[in-house]
N, C-alpha and C. Protein backbone atom coordinates (compact mmCIF):
# COMPACT_ATOMS: atom_id res chain seq x y z
N UNK A 1 -11.85 30.68 2.59
CA UNK A 1 -11.00 29.68 1.94
C UNK A 1 -11.62 28.37 1.66
N UNK A 2 -11.42 27.65 0.54
CA UNK A 2 -11.88 26.44 0.30
C UNK A 2 -11.16 25.26 1.07
N UNK A 3 -11.72 24.07 0.95
CA UNK A 3 -11.13 22.98 1.66
C UNK A 3 -10.06 22.40 0.75
N UNK A 4 -9.16 21.60 1.35
CA UNK A 4 -8.07 21.05 0.72
C UNK A 4 -8.46 19.51 0.65
N UNK A 5 -8.89 19.03 -0.61
CA UNK A 5 -9.37 17.61 -0.64
C UNK A 5 -8.11 16.57 -0.24
N UNK A 6 -6.88 16.99 -0.55
CA UNK A 6 -5.75 16.07 -0.32
C UNK A 6 -5.44 15.95 1.20
N UNK A 7 -5.43 17.21 1.94
CA UNK A 7 -5.32 17.21 3.30
C UNK A 7 -6.49 16.49 4.08
N UNK A 8 -7.73 16.71 3.63
CA UNK A 8 -8.87 15.90 4.30
C UNK A 8 -8.58 14.32 4.05
N UNK A 9 -8.16 14.04 2.80
CA UNK A 9 -8.05 12.61 2.63
C UNK A 9 -6.83 11.91 3.56
N UNK A 10 -5.79 12.67 3.56
CA UNK A 10 -4.74 12.26 4.56
C UNK A 10 -5.25 12.22 5.95
N UNK A 11 -5.94 13.17 6.42
CA UNK A 11 -6.48 13.25 7.74
C UNK A 11 -7.46 12.05 8.03
N UNK A 12 -8.23 11.77 7.05
CA UNK A 12 -9.07 10.61 7.02
C UNK A 12 -8.35 9.26 7.29
N UNK A 13 -7.34 9.05 6.39
CA UNK A 13 -6.51 7.87 6.59
C UNK A 13 -5.73 7.79 8.02
N UNK A 14 -5.35 8.95 8.35
CA UNK A 14 -4.52 9.07 9.62
C UNK A 14 -5.44 8.65 10.75
N UNK A 15 -6.77 9.05 10.76
CA UNK A 15 -7.69 8.78 11.81
C UNK A 15 -8.08 7.43 11.79
N UNK A 16 -8.13 6.82 10.71
CA UNK A 16 -8.66 5.26 10.77
C UNK A 16 -7.71 4.34 10.26
N UNK A 17 -6.29 4.78 10.48
CA UNK A 17 -5.28 3.90 9.89
C UNK A 17 -5.32 2.34 10.51
N UNK A 18 -5.52 2.15 11.72
CA UNK A 18 -5.50 0.84 12.30
C UNK A 18 -6.68 -0.04 11.87
N UNK A 19 -7.88 0.66 11.67
CA UNK A 19 -9.06 0.03 11.21
C UNK A 19 -8.95 -0.33 9.66
N UNK A 20 -8.29 0.59 8.93
CA UNK A 20 -8.23 0.35 7.54
C UNK A 20 -7.16 -0.79 7.36
N UNK A 21 -6.02 -0.84 8.14
CA UNK A 21 -5.05 -1.84 7.99
C UNK A 21 -5.69 -3.22 8.27
N UNK A 22 -6.51 -3.33 9.28
CA UNK A 22 -7.04 -4.65 9.59
C UNK A 22 -7.95 -5.10 8.44
N UNK A 23 -8.53 -4.21 7.75
CA UNK A 23 -9.65 -4.61 6.68
C UNK A 23 -8.78 -4.93 5.35
N UNK A 24 -7.52 -4.29 5.28
CA UNK A 24 -6.85 -4.46 3.89
C UNK A 24 -5.51 -5.10 3.98
N UNK A 25 -5.21 -5.99 4.92
CA UNK A 25 -3.96 -6.55 4.95
C UNK A 25 -3.86 -8.14 4.39
N UNK A 26 -5.03 -8.68 4.24
CA UNK A 26 -5.04 -9.92 3.73
C UNK A 26 -4.71 -10.11 2.12
N UNK A 27 -3.50 -10.74 1.97
CA UNK A 27 -3.02 -10.84 0.51
C UNK A 27 -4.03 -11.54 -0.46
N UNK A 28 -4.82 -12.45 0.07
CA UNK A 28 -5.56 -13.37 -0.60
C UNK A 28 -6.71 -12.46 -1.39
N UNK A 29 -6.93 -11.34 -0.90
CA UNK A 29 -8.02 -10.62 -1.52
C UNK A 29 -7.46 -10.17 -3.00
N UNK A 30 -6.27 -9.91 -3.25
CA UNK A 30 -5.66 -9.57 -4.46
C UNK A 30 -4.62 -10.49 -5.10
N UNK A 31 -4.56 -11.70 -4.57
CA UNK A 31 -3.65 -12.68 -5.08
C UNK A 31 -3.63 -12.73 -6.61
N UNK A 32 -4.57 -12.93 -7.24
CA UNK A 32 -4.68 -13.23 -8.72
C UNK A 32 -4.14 -11.95 -9.49
N UNK A 33 -4.61 -10.71 -8.99
CA UNK A 33 -4.13 -9.63 -9.64
C UNK A 33 -2.69 -9.31 -9.48
N UNK A 34 -2.22 -9.54 -8.28
CA UNK A 34 -0.82 -9.37 -7.77
C UNK A 34 0.10 -10.26 -8.70
N UNK A 35 -0.42 -11.62 -8.90
CA UNK A 35 0.35 -12.48 -9.58
C UNK A 35 0.43 -12.16 -11.09
N UNK A 36 -0.68 -11.79 -11.58
CA UNK A 36 -0.71 -11.22 -13.01
C UNK A 36 0.16 -10.22 -13.16
N UNK A 37 0.21 -9.18 -12.30
CA UNK A 37 1.10 -8.00 -12.37
C UNK A 37 2.52 -8.42 -12.43
N UNK A 38 2.88 -9.42 -11.44
CA UNK A 38 4.28 -9.97 -11.46
C UNK A 38 4.61 -10.64 -12.90
N UNK A 39 3.73 -11.41 -13.36
CA UNK A 39 3.96 -12.17 -14.61
C UNK A 39 4.29 -11.21 -15.71
N UNK A 40 3.70 -10.04 -15.70
CA UNK A 40 3.86 -8.98 -16.81
C UNK A 40 4.91 -7.95 -16.52
N UNK A 41 5.63 -8.06 -15.44
CA UNK A 41 6.57 -7.05 -14.92
C UNK A 41 7.87 -7.35 -15.75
N UNK A 42 8.53 -6.23 -16.20
CA UNK A 42 9.77 -6.38 -17.07
C UNK A 42 10.98 -6.19 -16.25
N UNK A 43 10.86 -6.27 -15.03
CA UNK A 43 12.12 -6.18 -14.09
C UNK A 43 11.82 -6.68 -12.70
N UNK A 44 12.68 -6.29 -11.78
CA UNK A 44 12.59 -6.85 -10.38
C UNK A 44 12.25 -5.70 -9.52
N UNK A 45 11.99 -4.37 -9.93
CA UNK A 45 11.75 -3.43 -8.92
C UNK A 45 10.37 -2.83 -9.02
N UNK A 46 9.87 -2.54 -7.86
CA UNK A 46 8.47 -1.99 -7.82
C UNK A 46 8.30 -0.84 -7.01
N UNK A 47 7.79 0.24 -7.25
CA UNK A 47 7.43 1.40 -6.38
C UNK A 47 5.99 1.39 -6.28
N UNK A 48 5.50 1.01 -5.02
CA UNK A 48 4.15 0.96 -4.67
C UNK A 48 3.58 2.24 -4.14
N UNK A 49 3.14 3.09 -4.97
CA UNK A 49 2.52 4.37 -4.64
C UNK A 49 1.16 4.30 -3.88
N UNK A 50 1.08 4.80 -2.86
CA UNK A 50 -0.07 4.73 -2.11
C UNK A 50 -0.23 3.34 -1.40
N UNK A 51 0.89 2.80 -0.77
CA UNK A 51 0.88 1.49 -0.33
C UNK A 51 0.19 1.18 0.82
N UNK A 52 -0.27 2.19 1.41
CA UNK A 52 -1.27 2.11 2.73
C UNK A 52 -0.65 1.10 3.75
N UNK A 53 -1.09 0.11 4.19
CA UNK A 53 -0.51 -0.72 5.25
C UNK A 53 0.45 -1.75 4.74
N UNK A 54 0.86 -1.73 3.46
CA UNK A 54 1.89 -2.48 2.90
C UNK A 54 1.53 -3.91 2.39
N UNK A 55 0.17 -4.28 2.30
CA UNK A 55 -0.13 -5.60 1.87
C UNK A 55 0.56 -5.90 0.50
N UNK A 56 0.45 -5.17 -0.45
CA UNK A 56 0.95 -5.42 -1.81
C UNK A 56 2.44 -5.44 -1.78
N UNK A 57 3.01 -4.43 -1.16
CA UNK A 57 4.44 -4.33 -0.99
C UNK A 57 5.10 -5.50 -0.41
N UNK A 58 4.49 -5.96 0.67
CA UNK A 58 4.91 -7.28 1.34
C UNK A 58 4.87 -8.45 0.31
N UNK A 59 3.76 -8.55 -0.34
CA UNK A 59 3.49 -9.68 -1.26
C UNK A 59 4.59 -9.65 -2.38
N UNK A 60 4.91 -8.51 -2.84
CA UNK A 60 6.07 -8.42 -3.92
C UNK A 60 7.46 -8.81 -3.37
N UNK A 61 7.74 -8.16 -2.06
CA UNK A 61 8.99 -8.35 -1.41
C UNK A 61 9.30 -9.82 -1.26
N UNK A 62 8.10 -10.56 -0.64
CA UNK A 62 8.16 -11.95 -0.28
C UNK A 62 8.43 -12.80 -1.46
N UNK A 63 8.37 -12.25 -2.73
CA UNK A 63 8.60 -12.98 -3.97
C UNK A 63 10.05 -12.48 -4.56
N UNK A 64 10.82 -11.76 -3.80
CA UNK A 64 12.01 -11.47 -4.17
C UNK A 64 12.12 -10.21 -4.97
N UNK A 65 11.10 -9.48 -5.17
CA UNK A 65 11.23 -8.16 -5.83
C UNK A 65 11.60 -6.98 -4.97
N UNK A 66 12.42 -6.19 -5.48
CA UNK A 66 12.93 -5.06 -4.70
C UNK A 66 11.80 -3.92 -4.78
N UNK A 67 11.23 -3.80 -3.53
CA UNK A 67 10.10 -3.14 -3.46
C UNK A 67 10.15 -1.78 -2.48
N UNK A 68 9.65 -0.71 -2.93
CA UNK A 68 9.56 0.48 -2.27
C UNK A 68 8.18 0.92 -2.05
N UNK A 69 7.68 1.11 -0.83
CA UNK A 69 6.25 1.64 -0.69
C UNK A 69 6.25 2.90 -0.19
N UNK A 70 5.35 3.88 -0.80
CA UNK A 70 5.20 5.21 -0.27
C UNK A 70 3.76 5.51 -0.02
N UNK A 71 3.62 6.38 0.92
CA UNK A 71 2.15 6.66 1.25
C UNK A 71 2.14 8.08 1.91
N UNK A 72 1.08 8.82 1.80
CA UNK A 72 1.09 10.15 2.49
C UNK A 72 0.69 10.04 4.03
N UNK A 73 0.07 8.88 4.30
CA UNK A 73 -0.22 8.63 5.70
C UNK A 73 0.80 8.08 6.48
N UNK A 74 1.33 8.90 7.40
CA UNK A 74 2.46 8.36 8.26
C UNK A 74 1.99 7.11 9.27
N UNK A 75 0.90 6.99 9.51
CA UNK A 75 0.53 5.96 10.44
C UNK A 75 0.44 4.68 9.64
N UNK A 76 -0.22 4.79 8.29
CA UNK A 76 0.00 3.57 7.55
C UNK A 76 1.30 3.09 7.16
N UNK A 77 2.10 4.07 6.88
CA UNK A 77 3.58 3.66 6.71
C UNK A 77 4.15 2.95 7.85
N UNK A 78 3.86 3.38 9.02
CA UNK A 78 4.37 2.80 10.35
C UNK A 78 3.86 1.31 10.36
N UNK A 79 2.66 1.04 10.05
CA UNK A 79 1.98 -0.29 10.03
C UNK A 79 2.69 -1.00 8.80
N UNK A 80 2.94 -0.38 7.82
CA UNK A 80 3.49 -1.28 6.60
C UNK A 80 4.98 -1.71 7.05
N UNK A 81 5.63 -0.97 7.88
CA UNK A 81 6.99 -1.30 8.22
C UNK A 81 7.12 -2.48 8.93
């Protein structure tokens, strides 16, 4: 049988969730891109697919946007909450 790349990716994020979150939680890294995204948004709702530890979802929610984050890594979703 072949390997399942999706399963391997999920397992990799699960194994390193805390380290990944520590490296990717600073909103300043993406501030300009996120502000440009909001400026061009046509509504107040965002679905953050692959939200990881929730950096972008938090940025959007803090600005009053109704934000839902989803991710395949349960550990990253717990961090995002």
